[in-house]
C-alpha cells in the first residue's frame, strides 16, 4: 500500500503487509530480516508501530459488523526523508487493512 500526499506537509509511506486469520485478536509482526534504507534508522520502529495502529484501528471499526481476528506481517516498507512520519505510516496501515477487508468481502459502509 502506498500512501503519498504532496503539499507543504508531505506524506510518504509504502508498506506491503500479509494478512492471515488468527485465533483471536490482532497480532502485528515485522518480517525477520526486513531492511529499510532510511536514516535515522531509529525512527523505523515508531513508523512500524504507527502502521500497526492504523491496521488495528481499521480492522476494529464497528461499522464492519464483524469481529476481526488477524495476524498482519509487515513484509516490505519504504520511507522517504522528506515525507515519512508516524501519521503517514498510520494512514498506510489503515489503507492496507481496508484493502484486505475489501478482498474478504466485508462490506464498507
Protein backbone atom coordinates (compact mmCIF):
# COMPACT_ATOMS: atom_id res chain seq x y z
CA UNK A 1 0.00 0.00 0.00
CA UNK A 2 1.42 3.36 -0.99
CA UNK A 3 0.29 6.48 0.81
CA UNK A 4 1.71 9.63 -0.71
CA UNK A 5 0.44 13.18 -0.36
CA UNK A 6 2.40 16.08 -1.76
CA UNK A 7 1.88 19.56 -0.41
CA UNK A 8 3.68 21.79 2.07
CA UNK A 9 3.47 18.95 4.64
CA UNK A 10 4.19 15.85 2.53
CA UNK A 11 3.33 12.26 3.47
CA UNK A 12 5.14 9.18 2.23
CA UNK A 13 4.86 5.59 3.38
CA UNK A 14 4.89 2.39 1.38
CA UNK A 15 4.18 -0.93 3.06
CA UNK A 16 3.44 -4.48 2.00
CA UNK A 17 1.51 -6.48 4.57
CA UNK A 18 0.34 -10.09 4.53
CA UNK A 19 -2.86 -10.82 6.44
CA UNK A 20 -3.75 -14.20 7.88
CA UNK A 21 -6.57 -15.36 10.14
CA UNK A 22 -5.72 -15.54 13.83
CA UNK A 23 -7.39 -17.45 16.65
CA UNK A 24 -8.36 -14.17 18.30
CA UNK A 25 -7.39 -10.53 18.50
CA UNK A 26 -4.80 -8.70 16.46
CA UNK A 27 -1.13 -9.60 16.09
CA UNK A 28 1.39 -7.48 14.19
CA UNK A 29 4.85 -8.70 13.26
CA UNK A 30 7.75 -7.32 11.27
CA UNK A 31 9.20 -9.97 8.97
CA UNK A 32 12.54 -11.31 10.07
CA UNK A 33 15.35 -9.69 8.14
CA UNK A 34 13.30 -6.71 6.91
CA UNK A 35 15.62 -3.88 5.99
CA UNK A 36 14.64 -0.36 5.04
CA UNK A 37 17.02 2.21 3.63
CA UNK A 38 16.17 5.17 5.82
CA UNK A 39 18.08 7.45 8.16
CA UNK A 40 17.76 7.80 11.05
CA UNK A 41 17.05 4.08 11.36
CA UNK A 42 15.89 4.52 14.96
CA UNK A 43 12.68 6.12 13.61
CA UNK A 44 11.62 2.91 11.87
CA UNK A 45 10.19 1.10 14.93
CA UNK A 46 7.89 4.10 15.54
CA UNK A 47 6.82 4.06 11.89
CA UNK A 48 6.09 0.32 12.06
CA UNK A 49 4.12 0.77 15.31
CA UNK A 50 2.09 3.52 13.64
CA UNK A 51 1.31 1.21 10.69
CA UNK A 52 0.20 -1.47 13.17
CA UNK A 53 -2.04 1.06 14.94
CA UNK A 54 -3.65 2.07 11.63
CA UNK A 55 -4.26 -1.56 10.68
CA UNK A 56 -5.77 -2.42 14.05
CA UNK A 57 -7.96 0.70 14.06
CA UNK A 58 -9.40 -0.14 10.62
CA UNK A 59 -9.98 -3.80 11.48
CA UNK A 60 -11.87 -2.85 14.65
CA UNK A 61 -14.27 -0.30 13.17
CA UNK A 62 -17.77 -1.18 14.41
CA UNK A 63 -19.38 -0.44 11.03
CA UNK A 64 -17.86 -3.63 9.59
CA UNK A 65 -20.28 -5.60 11.75
CA UNK A 66 -17.70 -8.34 12.27
CA UNK A 67 -15.05 -9.10 14.85
CA UNK A 68 -11.78 -9.45 13.03
CA UNK A 69 -9.02 -11.73 14.31
CA UNK A 70 -5.93 -11.25 12.18
CA UNK A 71 -2.20 -11.63 12.06
CA UNK A 72 -0.52 -8.94 9.98
CA UNK A 73 3.08 -9.38 8.85
CA UNK A 74 4.96 -6.37 7.51
CA UNK A 75 6.95 -7.78 4.57
CA UNK A 76 8.32 -4.64 2.94
CA UNK A 77 8.49 -0.94 3.73
CA UNK A 78 9.85 2.21 2.15
CA UNK A 79 10.35 5.56 3.80
CA UNK A 80 11.48 8.94 2.50
CA UNK A 81 13.45 11.59 4.37
CA UNK A 82 11.09 14.36 3.26
CA UNK A 83 7.68 12.86 3.88
CA UNK A 84 7.82 9.83 6.13
CA UNK A 85 6.50 10.16 9.64
CA UNK A 86 4.22 8.30 12.00
CA UNK A 87 0.97 9.71 10.58
CA UNK A 88 1.93 8.68 7.03
CA UNK A 89 2.57 5.11 8.20
CA UNK A 90 -0.63 5.03 10.25
CA UNK A 91 -2.64 6.05 7.18
CA UNK A 92 -0.81 3.45 5.05
CA UNK A 93 -1.70 0.78 7.62
CA UNK A 94 -5.31 1.92 7.66
CA UNK A 95 -5.48 1.74 3.87
CA UNK A 96 -3.81 -1.70 3.77
CA UNK A 97 -6.35 -3.10 6.23
CA UNK A 98 -9.22 -1.55 4.28
CA UNK A 99 -7.96 -3.22 1.10
CA UNK A 100 -7.63 -6.57 2.90
CA UNK A 101 -11.20 -6.29 4.21
CA UNK A 102 -12.49 -5.48 0.72
CA UNK A 103 -10.83 -8.61 -0.61
CA UNK A 104 -12.60 -10.72 2.02
CA UNK A 105 -15.96 -9.32 1.02
CA UNK A 106 -16.60 -7.33 4.21
CA UNK A 107 -18.94 -4.52 3.13
CA UNK A 108 -17.77 -0.95 3.56
CA UNK A 109 -20.43 1.36 4.92
